[in-house]
Amino acid sequence: MAHPTRRSAPALPPAGGSAAPSGGATPSAPASTPPAKGTVKVTATVATGLSAPWGLVQLPDDSLLVAARDTGRISRIDPKTHTVTQIGLVPGVTHTKGGENGLLGLAVSPDYGSDHLVYAYFSTESDNRIASFLYDPSRPKGEQLGAPDTILRGIPTGSLHNGGRIAFGPDGDLYAGTGETGQRSLAQNMSSLGGKILRMTPDGEVPTDNPTPGSLVYSPGHRNVQGLAWDDQGRLWASEFGQDTWDELNRIEPGKNYGWPTVEGIAHHPGFVDPVEQWHPADASPSGVAYAVGCIWMASLKGGRLWRVPLAGAKASAAPQAFLDGKYGRLRTVVALDDHTLLLTTSNTDDRGTAHSGDDRVLQLSVS
């Protein structure tokens, strides 16, 4: 783990407003239980022609940043003109052809208005790591992303099961979902950062109230976490790739164990927490999640569906409902802009999908 001294950010023109939630948005939600059935309408195509997009975040000026997994490129999307402009490359990114490693999740600093920092989770030849980058829009195009300030090294890496989602929680700390890279034992090894949900300060330090003193581990027993989101009560939800039997949506509690590799799906096994919902991998293979209108919204890759899970407290209040069933192919990242508006990325250029004209794209949805 590396904890370099935080550099001072130079004064920049304000981006406008306060920092938006990153990857796991927390918009206001109705106090009552949402209806069992909802609606989804695609209202706009925000961007096209993207290459294996992974992380997607909104900046305070309403522009978007998107990560290209295979190339390490971060680009800015203008939602009004739909133009996509490269702002920089993350150095040292490694991607294996046909694999899941590369430039993965993005997050925006809670103090973006003053520090102008963007965070990225990415794979190198030796590990997965998290770094912050100063984003300076006044610099020349393609050179607007500063040098990486690595806040965490040593997350296990491999061609598969790299996790990769990062998001700032309501507490201001940074959370990261990691994978066990196919080495199952790592998920239960508390000395490893693999197969966990991690919680850290914006500088990569261990918060004093983490479940285990001195440890970044927030919860162990995960196979491959690619989605993190908080509901309106501050409860953390995470999606998880299962192996061959069950994919999961979990309600994450600090210090609780989620069972992998001993269990997969709802098992009622002493000492492990069961998922709130489970799916066969052909119907899901979940990646990003977001919270809006009292529901968890989960993007699925193999399933090609956007799943709506209405909540009643820490439980589902009705059966999951599927939308977009295969219409746009593989779905990777979902971001809540407000309580009725989502952004959704496709993932058909990731070596596992069938790319069509215009892929990959960012869609805007109206939901209820």
Protein backbone atom coordinates (compact mmCIF):
# COMPACT_ATOMS: atom_id res chain seq x y z
CA MET A 1 0.00 0.00 0.00
CA ALA A 2 1.33 3.41 -0.88
CA HIS A 3 0.34 6.58 0.89
CA PRO A 4 2.27 9.44 -0.77
CA THR A 5 1.91 12.97 0.46
CA ARG A 6 -1.10 14.60 -1.13
CA ARG A 7 -0.06 17.26 -3.62
CA SER A 8 -1.72 20.65 -3.54
CA ALA A 9 -4.17 21.29 -6.34
CA PRO A 10 -3.72 24.61 -8.14
CA ALA A 11 -6.62 26.98 -8.38
CA LEU A 12 -8.81 26.18 -11.37
CA PRO A 13 -12.00 27.69 -12.73
CA PRO A 14 -14.93 26.15 -10.81
CA ALA A 15 -16.65 23.31 -12.65
CA GLY A 16 -20.00 24.45 -11.35
CA GLY A 17 -22.04 23.20 -8.41
CA SER A 18 -21.00 20.53 -5.94
CA ALA A 19 -19.48 17.17 -6.79
CA ALA A 20 -21.99 14.67 -8.13
CA PRO A 21 -22.15 11.08 -6.84
CA SER A 22 -19.75 8.78 -8.69
CA GLY A 23 -20.83 5.36 -9.92
CA GLY A 24 -23.10 4.76 -6.92
CA ALA A 25 -25.38 7.78 -6.77
CA THR A 26 -27.59 8.58 -3.78
CA PRO A 27 -30.49 10.73 -5.00
CA SER A 28 -33.49 11.41 -2.80
CA ALA A 29 -36.09 8.66 -2.79
CA PRO A 30 -39.74 8.30 -1.87
CA ALA A 31 -40.39 7.31 1.72
CA SER A 32 -43.06 4.82 0.71
CA THR A 33 -42.39 1.41 -0.80
CA PRO A 34 -42.12 1.68 -4.59
CA PRO A 35 -44.70 -0.10 -6.74
CA ALA A 36 -43.99 -3.70 -7.67
CA LYS A 37 -43.79 -2.79 -11.36
CA GLY A 38 -41.98 0.15 -12.89
CA THR A 39 -41.17 1.60 -16.29
CA VAL A 40 -38.09 2.36 -18.36
CA LYS A 41 -37.94 4.61 -21.41
CA VAL A 42 -34.81 5.36 -23.42
CA THR A 43 -34.97 9.14 -23.92
CA ALA A 44 -31.62 9.92 -25.57
CA THR A 45 -28.36 8.53 -26.86
CA VAL A 46 -25.70 10.59 -25.12
CA ALA A 47 -22.62 9.15 -26.87
CA THR A 48 -21.72 6.55 -29.50
CA GLY A 49 -18.58 4.95 -30.86
CA LEU A 50 -17.01 4.19 -27.49
CA SER A 51 -14.45 1.41 -27.06
CA ALA A 52 -15.12 -1.01 -24.18
CA PRO A 53 -16.42 1.68 -21.79
CA TRP A 54 -16.26 0.79 -18.11
CA GLY A 55 -16.31 3.57 -15.52
CA LEU A 56 -18.69 6.50 -16.07
CA VAL A 57 -19.10 9.55 -13.81
CA GLN A 58 -20.78 12.94 -13.99
CA LEU A 59 -18.89 16.13 -13.16
CA PRO A 60 -20.51 19.17 -11.50
CA ASP A 61 -20.78 20.94 -14.88
CA ASP A 62 -22.92 18.00 -16.13
CA SER A 63 -20.21 16.70 -18.47
CA LEU A 64 -19.28 13.02 -18.20
CA LEU A 65 -16.00 11.16 -17.94
CA VAL A 66 -15.77 7.64 -19.35
CA ALA A 67 -12.99 5.06 -19.01
CA ALA A 68 -11.92 2.88 -21.95
CA ARG A 69 -10.96 -0.45 -20.38
CA ASP A 70 -8.57 -1.77 -23.01
CA THR A 71 -6.63 1.40 -23.89
CA GLY A 72 -6.44 3.22 -20.55
CA ARG A 73 -8.02 6.30 -22.10
CA ILE A 74 -10.28 8.68 -20.16
CA SER A 75 -12.54 10.88 -22.28
CA ARG A 76 -14.97 13.71 -21.64
CA ILE A 77 -18.49 13.51 -23.05
CA ASP A 78 -20.36 16.75 -23.69
CA PRO A 79 -24.02 15.79 -23.06
CA LYS A 80 -25.28 18.71 -25.19
CA THR A 81 -23.17 18.18 -28.32
CA HIS A 82 -22.53 14.44 -27.73
CA THR A 83 -18.86 14.95 -28.59
CA VAL A 84 -16.27 12.64 -27.02
CA THR A 85 -12.83 14.16 -26.35
CA GLN A 86 -9.85 12.39 -24.83
CA ILE A 87 -8.50 14.12 -21.72
CA GLY A 88 -5.63 11.75 -21.00
CA LEU A 89 -4.20 8.26 -20.69
CA VAL A 90 -3.69 6.37 -17.44
CA PRO A 91 -0.08 5.12 -17.61
CA GLY A 92 0.78 1.47 -17.04
CA VAL A 93 -2.68 0.03 -17.74
CA THR A 94 -2.54 -3.65 -18.72
CA HIS A 95 -5.33 -5.47 -20.56
CA THR A 96 -5.31 -9.13 -21.59
CA LYS A 97 -7.08 -9.90 -24.87
CA GLY A 98 -10.39 -11.52 -23.94
CA GLY A 99 -9.84 -10.69 -20.27
CA GLU A 100 -11.47 -8.40 -17.73
CA ASN A 101 -8.46 -6.36 -16.59
CA GLY A 102 -7.64 -2.82 -17.67
CA LEU A 103 -8.89 0.66 -16.81
CA LEU A 104 -12.04 -0.01 -14.79
CA GLY A 105 -13.93 2.20 -12.33
CA LEU A 106 -13.93 5.98 -11.98
CA ALA A 107 -15.01 8.21 -9.09
CA VAL A 108 -15.15 11.96 -8.52
CA SER A 109 -13.75 13.48 -5.32
CA PRO A 110 -16.44 14.69 -2.88
CA ASP A 111 -14.38 17.91 -2.77
CA TYR A 112 -14.06 18.21 -6.54
CA GLY A 113 -15.03 21.88 -6.43
CA SER A 114 -11.78 22.63 -4.60
CA ASP A 115 -9.39 19.76 -5.41
CA HIS A 116 -10.47 18.80 -9.00
CA LEU A 117 -9.51 15.17 -8.41
CA VAL A 118 -10.76 12.16 -10.33
CA TYR A 119 -10.05 8.61 -9.10
CA ALA A 120 -9.46 5.49 -11.19
CA TYR A 121 -9.15 1.75 -10.47
CA PHE A 122 -6.87 0.05 -12.98
CA SER A 123 -4.82 -3.05 -13.69
CA THR A 124 -1.05 -3.10 -14.16
CA GLU A 125 1.25 -6.03 -14.89
CA SER A 126 1.70 -6.66 -11.16
CA ASP A 127 -1.48 -5.54 -9.40
CA ASN A 128 -4.70 -3.58 -9.44
CA ARG A 129 -4.38 -0.14 -7.93
CA ILE A 130 -6.28 3.04 -7.23
CA ALA A 131 -4.95 6.50 -8.03
CA SER A 132 -6.20 10.06 -8.10
CA PHE A 133 -5.59 12.45 -10.98
CA LEU A 134 -5.85 16.21 -11.19
CA TYR A 135 -8.22 17.14 -14.02
CA ASP A 136 -7.40 20.56 -15.48
CA PRO A 137 -9.73 21.46 -18.39
CA SER A 138 -7.62 24.53 -19.18
CA ARG A 139 -4.71 22.42 -20.40
CA PRO A 140 -4.37 21.32 -24.06
CA LYS A 141 -6.71 18.60 -25.28
CA GLY A 142 -5.42 15.13 -24.48
CA GLU A 143 -3.17 16.50 -21.71
CA GLN A 144 -5.77 17.55 -19.16
CA LEU A 145 -5.26 14.58 -16.86
CA GLY A 146 -2.41 14.96 -14.39
CA ALA A 147 0.07 12.31 -13.27
CA PRO A 148 -1.33 9.51 -11.09
CA ASP A 149 -1.09 9.87 -7.33
CA THR A 150 -1.37 6.22 -6.28
CA ILE A 151 -3.29 5.81 -3.03
CA LEU A 152 -3.50 2.01 -3.00
CA ARG A 153 -1.36 -0.75 -4.50
CA GLY A 154 -1.40 -4.50 -4.07
CA ILE A 155 -4.93 -5.50 -5.06
CA PRO A 156 -4.48 -8.90 -6.78
CA THR A 157 -4.77 -8.86 -10.56
CA GLY A 158 -5.34 -11.40 -13.31
CA SER A 159 -7.08 -11.72 -16.61
CA LEU A 160 -10.38 -12.48 -14.81
CA HIS A 161 -12.29 -11.39 -11.69
CA ASN A 162 -10.68 -8.00 -11.08
CA GLY A 163 -13.72 -6.30 -9.55
CA GLY A 164 -13.05 -2.66 -10.31
CA ARG A 165 -15.96 -0.52 -9.15
CA ILE A 166 -15.10 2.46 -6.94
CA ALA A 167 -17.47 5.00 -5.40
CA PHE A 168 -17.48 7.55 -2.61
CA GLY A 169 -20.01 6.79 0.08
CA PRO A 170 -22.25 9.19 2.02
CA ASP A 171 -19.53 9.18 4.71
CA GLY A 172 -16.97 10.67 2.31
CA ASP A 173 -14.85 7.52 2.26
CA LEU A 174 -13.88 5.66 -0.92
CA TYR A 175 -15.19 2.12 -1.40
CA ALA A 176 -13.78 -0.42 -3.87
CA GLY A 177 -15.13 -3.77 -5.04
CA THR A 178 -12.37 -6.27 -5.80
CA GLY A 179 -12.22 -9.77 -7.26
CA GLU A 180 -10.36 -12.93 -6.29
CA THR A 181 -8.77 -13.27 -9.78
CA GLY A 182 -9.77 -16.93 -9.91
CA GLN A 183 -7.81 -17.72 -6.72
CA ARG A 184 -10.79 -18.66 -4.58
CA SER A 185 -8.96 -18.75 -1.27
CA LEU A 186 -8.21 -15.02 -1.46
CA ALA A 187 -11.85 -14.18 -0.73
CA GLN A 188 -11.51 -15.58 2.81
CA ASN A 189 -7.88 -14.50 3.34
CA MET A 190 -8.06 -11.37 5.48
CA SER A 191 -4.46 -10.53 4.59
CA SER A 192 -5.39 -10.20 0.91
CA LEU A 193 -7.20 -7.28 -0.71
CA GLY A 194 -8.76 -9.64 -3.28
CA GLY A 195 -12.37 -10.81 -3.10
CA LYS A 196 -13.38 -7.97 -0.79
CA ILE A 197 -15.15 -4.68 -0.51
CA LEU A 198 -12.59 -2.17 0.72
CA ARG A 199 -13.14 1.14 2.50
CA MET A 200 -10.52 3.88 2.68
CA THR A 201 -10.11 7.60 3.14
CA PRO A 202 -9.59 9.73 0.00
CA ASP A 203 -5.85 9.40 0.65
CA GLY A 204 -5.97 5.60 0.86
CA GLU A 205 -5.66 5.39 4.63
CA VAL A 206 -7.63 3.04 6.88
CA PRO A 207 -10.63 4.77 8.49
CA THR A 208 -10.55 4.52 12.27
CA ASP A 209 -14.01 2.93 12.35
CA ASN A 210 -13.38 0.12 9.84
CA PRO A 211 -14.54 -3.30 11.09
CA THR A 212 -10.99 -4.56 11.72
CA PRO A 213 -8.51 -2.01 13.09
CA GLY A 214 -5.69 -1.35 10.63
CA SER A 215 -7.44 -3.16 7.76
CA LEU A 216 -9.05 -1.73 4.63
CA VAL A 217 -11.41 -4.74 4.45
CA TYR A 218 -15.03 -3.69 4.87
CA SER A 219 -16.49 -7.10 3.96
CA PRO A 220 -14.87 -10.40 2.84
CA GLY A 221 -16.15 -13.46 1.01
CA HIS A 222 -16.74 -11.97 -2.44
CA ARG A 223 -16.01 -13.48 -5.85
CA ASN A 224 -16.13 -10.45 -8.17
CA VAL A 225 -17.82 -7.20 -7.13
CA GLN A 226 -18.51 -4.78 -10.00
CA GLY A 227 -21.37 -2.68 -8.61
CA LEU A 228 -21.72 -0.41 -5.55
CA ALA A 229 -24.58 1.94 -4.62
CA TRP A 230 -26.19 3.44 -1.52
CA ASP A 231 -29.90 3.85 -0.90
CA ASP A 232 -31.54 6.92 0.64
CA GLN A 233 -30.90 5.56 4.15
CA GLY A 234 -27.17 5.12 3.54
CA ARG A 235 -27.31 1.33 3.14
CA LEU A 236 -24.68 -0.10 0.81
CA TRP A 237 -25.70 -2.51 -1.97
CA ALA A 238 -23.35 -4.52 -4.18
CA SER A 239 -23.71 -6.75 -7.22
CA GLU A 240 -21.61 -9.88 -7.51
CA PHE A 241 -20.75 -12.33 -10.26
CA GLY A 242 -21.41 -15.90 -9.21
CA GLN A 243 -19.71 -18.84 -10.85
CA ASP A 244 -22.10 -21.19 -12.64
CA THR A 245 -25.17 -21.16 -10.42
CA TRP A 246 -26.13 -17.83 -8.84
CA ASP A 247 -25.33 -14.15 -9.34
CA GLU A 248 -26.13 -11.93 -6.38
CA LEU A 249 -27.40 -8.59 -5.13
CA ASN A 250 -26.12 -8.13 -1.60
CA ARG A 251 -26.91 -5.69 1.18
CA ILE A 252 -23.46 -4.99 2.60
CA GLU A 253 -22.92 -4.71 6.34
CA PRO A 254 -19.48 -3.88 7.77
CA GLY A 255 -17.50 -6.89 8.87
CA LYS A 256 -20.02 -9.45 7.62
CA ASN A 257 -18.85 -12.39 5.48
CA TYR A 258 -20.56 -13.07 2.14
CA GLY A 259 -19.50 -16.67 1.87
CA TRP A 260 -17.47 -17.20 -1.29
CA PRO A 261 -16.07 -19.75 -2.09
CA THR A 262 -17.92 -21.87 0.49
CA VAL A 263 -21.36 -20.80 -0.72
CA GLU A 264 -22.91 -19.26 -3.83
CA GLY A 265 -26.35 -17.66 -3.70
CA ILE A 266 -28.90 -18.16 -0.92
CA ALA A 267 -27.51 -20.98 1.20
CA HIS A 268 -28.68 -20.31 4.80
CA HIS A 269 -25.16 -21.17 5.94
CA PRO A 270 -24.22 -20.17 9.50
CA GLY A 271 -21.73 -17.31 9.59
CA PHE A 272 -22.45 -16.06 6.06
CA VAL A 273 -24.86 -13.42 4.78
CA ASP A 274 -27.34 -14.50 2.10
CA PRO A 275 -27.95 -12.25 -0.90
CA VAL A 276 -31.17 -10.24 -1.08
CA GLU A 277 -31.75 -11.46 -4.64
CA GLN A 278 -30.14 -14.05 -6.89
CA TRP A 279 -30.19 -14.78 -10.63
CA HIS A 280 -28.91 -17.47 -12.94
CA PRO A 281 -25.81 -16.13 -14.75
CA ALA A 282 -27.52 -16.40 -18.15
CA ASP A 283 -30.07 -13.85 -16.94
CA ALA A 284 -27.63 -11.49 -15.25
CA SER A 285 -23.81 -11.56 -14.93
CA PRO A 286 -24.18 -8.23 -13.13
CA SER A 287 -21.92 -5.21 -13.28
CA GLY A 288 -22.92 -1.68 -12.24
CA VAL A 289 -25.74 -0.76 -9.87
CA ALA A 290 -27.47 2.52 -8.99
CA TYR A 291 -30.29 3.64 -6.71
CA ALA A 292 -33.32 5.64 -7.89
CA VAL A 293 -37.09 5.80 -7.18
CA GLY A 294 -36.71 3.47 -4.21
CA CYS A 295 -35.15 0.71 -6.31
CA ILE A 296 -31.78 -0.80 -7.08
CA TRP A 297 -31.09 -0.79 -10.83
CA MET A 298 -28.59 -3.42 -11.96
CA ALA A 299 -26.92 -3.64 -15.36
CA SER A 300 -26.24 -7.15 -16.62
CA LEU A 301 -23.73 -8.29 -19.20
CA LYS A 302 -24.56 -11.81 -20.34
CA GLY A 303 -28.24 -11.23 -19.55
CA GLY A 304 -28.41 -7.99 -21.54
CA ARG A 305 -31.03 -6.70 -19.12
CA LEU A 306 -31.47 -3.77 -16.79
CA TRP A 307 -32.94 -5.19 -13.59
CA ARG A 308 -35.21 -3.19 -11.27
CA VAL A 309 -35.32 -4.37 -7.64
CA PRO A 310 -37.85 -2.43 -5.52
CA LEU A 311 -36.84 -2.10 -1.89
CA ALA A 312 -38.61 -2.06 1.45
CA GLY A 313 -35.91 -1.19 3.93
CA ALA A 314 -33.04 -3.64 3.60
CA LYS A 315 -35.09 -6.18 1.65
CA ALA A 316 -36.70 -6.49 -1.76
CA SER A 317 -40.41 -5.63 -1.71
CA ALA A 318 -41.28 -7.43 -4.96
CA ALA A 319 -39.74 -9.71 -7.55
CA PRO A 320 -37.03 -8.20 -9.80
CA GLN A 321 -38.29 -6.79 -13.10
CA ALA A 322 -36.24 -6.93 -16.31
CA PHE A 323 -36.05 -4.23 -18.98
CA LEU A 324 -34.31 -3.85 -22.37
CA ASP A 325 -34.03 -7.63 -22.67
CA GLY A 326 -31.18 -7.98 -25.18
CA LYS A 327 -32.19 -4.87 -27.15
CA TYR A 328 -28.86 -3.11 -26.62
CA GLY A 329 -26.66 -6.14 -25.95
CA ARG A 330 -24.37 -6.29 -22.94
CA LEU A 331 -24.94 -3.62 -20.27
CA ARG A 332 -22.09 -2.49 -18.02
CA THR A 333 -22.52 0.68 -15.96
CA VAL A 334 -25.59 2.46 -14.62
CA VAL A 335 -25.47 5.90 -13.00
CA ALA A 336 -28.33 7.84 -11.38
CA LEU A 337 -28.37 11.50 -12.40
CA ASP A 338 -31.49 12.21 -10.36
CA ASP A 339 -34.34 10.18 -8.93
CA HIS A 340 -35.93 9.50 -12.31
CA THR A 341 -32.99 9.66 -14.72
CA LEU A 342 -30.31 7.03 -15.32
CA LEU A 343 -27.34 6.73 -17.63
CA LEU A 344 -26.53 3.27 -18.96
CA THR A 345 -23.51 2.07 -20.94
CA THR A 346 -23.40 -0.84 -23.34
CA SER A 347 -20.41 -3.22 -23.45
CA ASN A 348 -20.44 -4.90 -26.85
CA THR A 349 -16.85 -4.06 -27.89
CA ASP A 350 -15.35 -5.88 -24.89
CA ASP A 351 -14.37 -9.08 -26.78
CA ARG A 352 -17.45 -10.90 -25.45
CA GLY A 353 -20.30 -9.14 -27.19
CA THR A 354 -21.50 -8.56 -30.72
CA ALA A 355 -20.79 -4.97 -31.72
CA HIS A 356 -23.24 -3.16 -33.99
CA SER A 357 -23.01 0.19 -35.72
CA GLY A 358 -22.64 2.93 -33.10
CA ASP A 359 -21.40 0.68 -30.31
CA ASP A 360 -20.53 1.21 -27.65
CA ARG A 361 -22.89 3.90 -26.41
CA VAL A 362 -24.23 5.79 -23.40
CA LEU A 363 -28.03 5.84 -23.12
CA GLN A 364 -30.20 8.15 -21.04
CA LEU A 365 -33.25 6.58 -19.41
CA SER A 366 -36.36 7.84 -17.69
CA VAL A 367 -37.40 5.39 -14.96
CA SER A 368 -40.16 4.84 -12.45
